[in-house]
Amino acid sequence: MEQTFTVSLYNKKVRDTLERGDDEALVLDAGWANLHYIEVIAHSKGQARKRINAKYPPRQGFIIQEILLEKKYV
């Protein structure tokens, strides 16, 4: 059964660049230094991680801080 996960991630390369004060070297928006929360539909936490890593590759500096399963209240 597919579930909804909330993934929090940021970009370490952007954070590091901003900490050095080298704003002009940014390839991505400076907002990526802060956490972004993205909803992912997946069968498992592992599949949610794979989907996020496909769209936001670690090799490009994206770091997943946390993956949480959304609770449904009915």
C-alpha atoms as a PDB file:
ATOM      1  CA  MET A   1       0.000   0.000   0.000  1.00  0.00           C
ATOM      2  CA  GLU A   2       1.333   3.390  -0.923  1.00  0.00           C
ATOM      3  CA  GLN A   3       1.839   5.873   1.877  1.00  0.00           C
ATOM      4  CA  THR A   4       2.747   9.533   2.132  1.00  0.00           C
ATOM      5  CA  PHE A   5       6.169  10.432   3.523  1.00  0.00           C
ATOM      6  CA  THR A   6       7.506  13.892   4.301  1.00  0.00           C
ATOM      7  CA  VAL A   7      11.179  14.244   3.473  1.00  0.00           C
ATOM      8  CA  SER A   8      13.247  17.114   4.847  1.00  0.00           C
ATOM      9  CA  LEU A   9      16.386  17.928   2.896  1.00  0.00           C
ATOM     10  CA  TYR A  10      18.847  20.715   2.166  1.00  0.00           C
ATOM     11  CA  ASN A  11      21.871  21.228  -0.052  1.00  0.00           C
ATOM     12  CA  LYS A  12      25.234  21.045   1.691  1.00  0.00           C
ATOM     13  CA  LYS A  13      27.102  22.621  -1.229  1.00  0.00           C
ATOM     14  CA  VAL A  14      24.850  25.680  -1.042  1.00  0.00           C
ATOM     15  CA  ARG A  15      25.271  25.893   2.756  1.00  0.00           C
ATOM     16  CA  ASP A  16      29.047  25.633   2.467  1.00  0.00           C
ATOM     17  CA  THR A  17      29.190  28.239  -0.304  1.00  0.00           C
ATOM     18  CA  LEU A  18      27.106  30.702   1.711  1.00  0.00           C
ATOM     19  CA  GLU A  19      29.182  30.106   4.850  1.00  0.00           C
ATOM     20  CA  ARG A  20      32.287  31.035   2.837  1.00  0.00           C
ATOM     21  CA  GLY A  21      30.515  34.205   1.674  1.00  0.00           C
ATOM     22  CA  ASP A  22      30.877  33.199  -1.973  1.00  0.00           C
ATOM     23  CA  ASP A  23      27.268  33.931  -3.021  1.00  0.00           C
ATOM     24  CA  GLU A  24      28.229  34.517  -6.660  1.00  0.00           C
ATOM     25  CA  ALA A  25      29.404  30.906  -7.007  1.00  0.00           C
ATOM     26  CA  LEU A  26      25.939  29.512  -6.277  1.00  0.00           C
ATOM     27  CA  VAL A  27      24.477  27.205  -8.908  1.00  0.00           C
ATOM     28  CA  LEU A  28      21.207  26.640  -7.011  1.00  0.00           C
ATOM     29  CA  ASP A  29      18.958  29.085  -5.213  1.00  0.00           C
ATOM     30  CA  ALA A  30      20.339  30.176  -1.828  1.00  0.00           C
ATOM     31  CA  GLY A  31      17.132  28.894  -0.245  1.00  0.00           C
ATOM     32  CA  TRP A  32      18.501  25.358  -0.573  1.00  0.00           C
ATOM     33  CA  ALA A  33      20.751  26.130   2.398  1.00  0.00           C
ATOM     34  CA  ASN A  34      17.564  25.791   4.478  1.00  0.00           C
ATOM     35  CA  LEU A  35      15.423  22.718   4.942  1.00  0.00           C
ATOM     36  CA  HIS A  36      12.819  21.944   2.300  1.00  0.00           C
ATOM     37  CA  TYR A  37       9.910  19.641   3.054  1.00  0.00           C
ATOM     38  CA  ILE A  38       8.743  17.446   0.197  1.00  0.00           C
ATOM     39  CA  GLU A  39       5.916  14.929   0.190  1.00  0.00           C
ATOM     40  CA  VAL A  40       6.622  11.599  -1.484  1.00  0.00           C
ATOM     41  CA  ILE A  41       4.183   8.783  -2.212  1.00  0.00           C
ATOM     42  CA  ALA A  42       5.884   5.401  -1.796  1.00  0.00           C
ATOM     43  CA  HIS A  43       5.388   1.869  -0.507  1.00  0.00           C
ATOM     44  CA  SER A  44       8.179   2.173   2.071  1.00  0.00           C
ATOM     45  CA  LYS A  45      10.657   4.564   3.646  1.00  0.00           C
ATOM     46  CA  GLY A  46      13.386   2.991   1.501  1.00  0.00           C
ATOM     47  CA  GLN A  47      11.431   3.604  -1.686  1.00  0.00           C
ATOM     48  CA  ALA A  48      10.750   7.199  -0.606  1.00  0.00           C
ATOM     49  CA  ARG A  49      14.513   7.679  -0.138  1.00  0.00           C
ATOM     50  CA  LYS A  50      15.213   6.234  -3.604  1.00  0.00           C
ATOM     51  CA  ARG A  51      12.667   8.551  -5.206  1.00  0.00           C
ATOM     52  CA  ILE A  52      14.071  11.630  -3.480  1.00  0.00           C
ATOM     53  CA  ASN A  53      17.666  10.653  -4.304  1.00  0.00           C
ATOM     54  CA  ALA A  54      16.685  10.248  -7.967  1.00  0.00           C
ATOM     55  CA  LYS A  55      15.275  13.778  -8.088  1.00  0.00           C
ATOM     56  CA  TYR A  56      17.727  15.389  -5.628  1.00  0.00           C
ATOM     57  CA  PRO A  57      21.016  13.472  -6.034  1.00  0.00           C
ATOM     58  CA  PRO A  58      23.431  13.298  -3.086  1.00  0.00           C
ATOM     59  CA  ARG A  59      26.335  13.786  -5.529  1.00  0.00           C
ATOM     60  CA  GLN A  60      24.929  17.267  -6.193  1.00  0.00           C
ATOM     61  CA  GLY A  61      25.020  18.066  -2.478  1.00  0.00           C
ATOM     62  CA  PHE A  62      21.488  17.169  -1.411  1.00  0.00           C
ATOM     63  CA  ILE A  63      21.291  15.778   2.113  1.00  0.00           C
ATOM     64  CA  ILE A  64      18.220  14.064   3.537  1.00  0.00           C
ATOM     65  CA  GLN A  65      17.803  15.053   7.151  1.00  0.00           C
ATOM     66  CA  GLU A  66      14.698  13.006   7.928  1.00  0.00           C
ATOM     67  CA  ILE A  67      11.953  10.901   6.370  1.00  0.00           C
ATOM     68  CA  LEU A  68       8.677  10.762   8.280  1.00  0.00           C
ATOM     69  CA  LEU A  69       5.583   8.705   7.565  1.00  0.00           C
ATOM     70  CA  GLU A  70       2.531  10.936   7.549  1.00  0.00           C
ATOM     71  CA  LYS A  71      -0.175   9.785   9.921  1.00  0.00           C
ATOM     72  CA  LYS A  72      -3.709   9.829   8.597  1.00  0.00           C
ATOM     73  CA  TYR A  73      -6.406  10.967  10.966  1.00  0.00           C
ATOM     74  CA  VAL A  74      -9.894  10.071   9.908  1.00  0.00           C
END
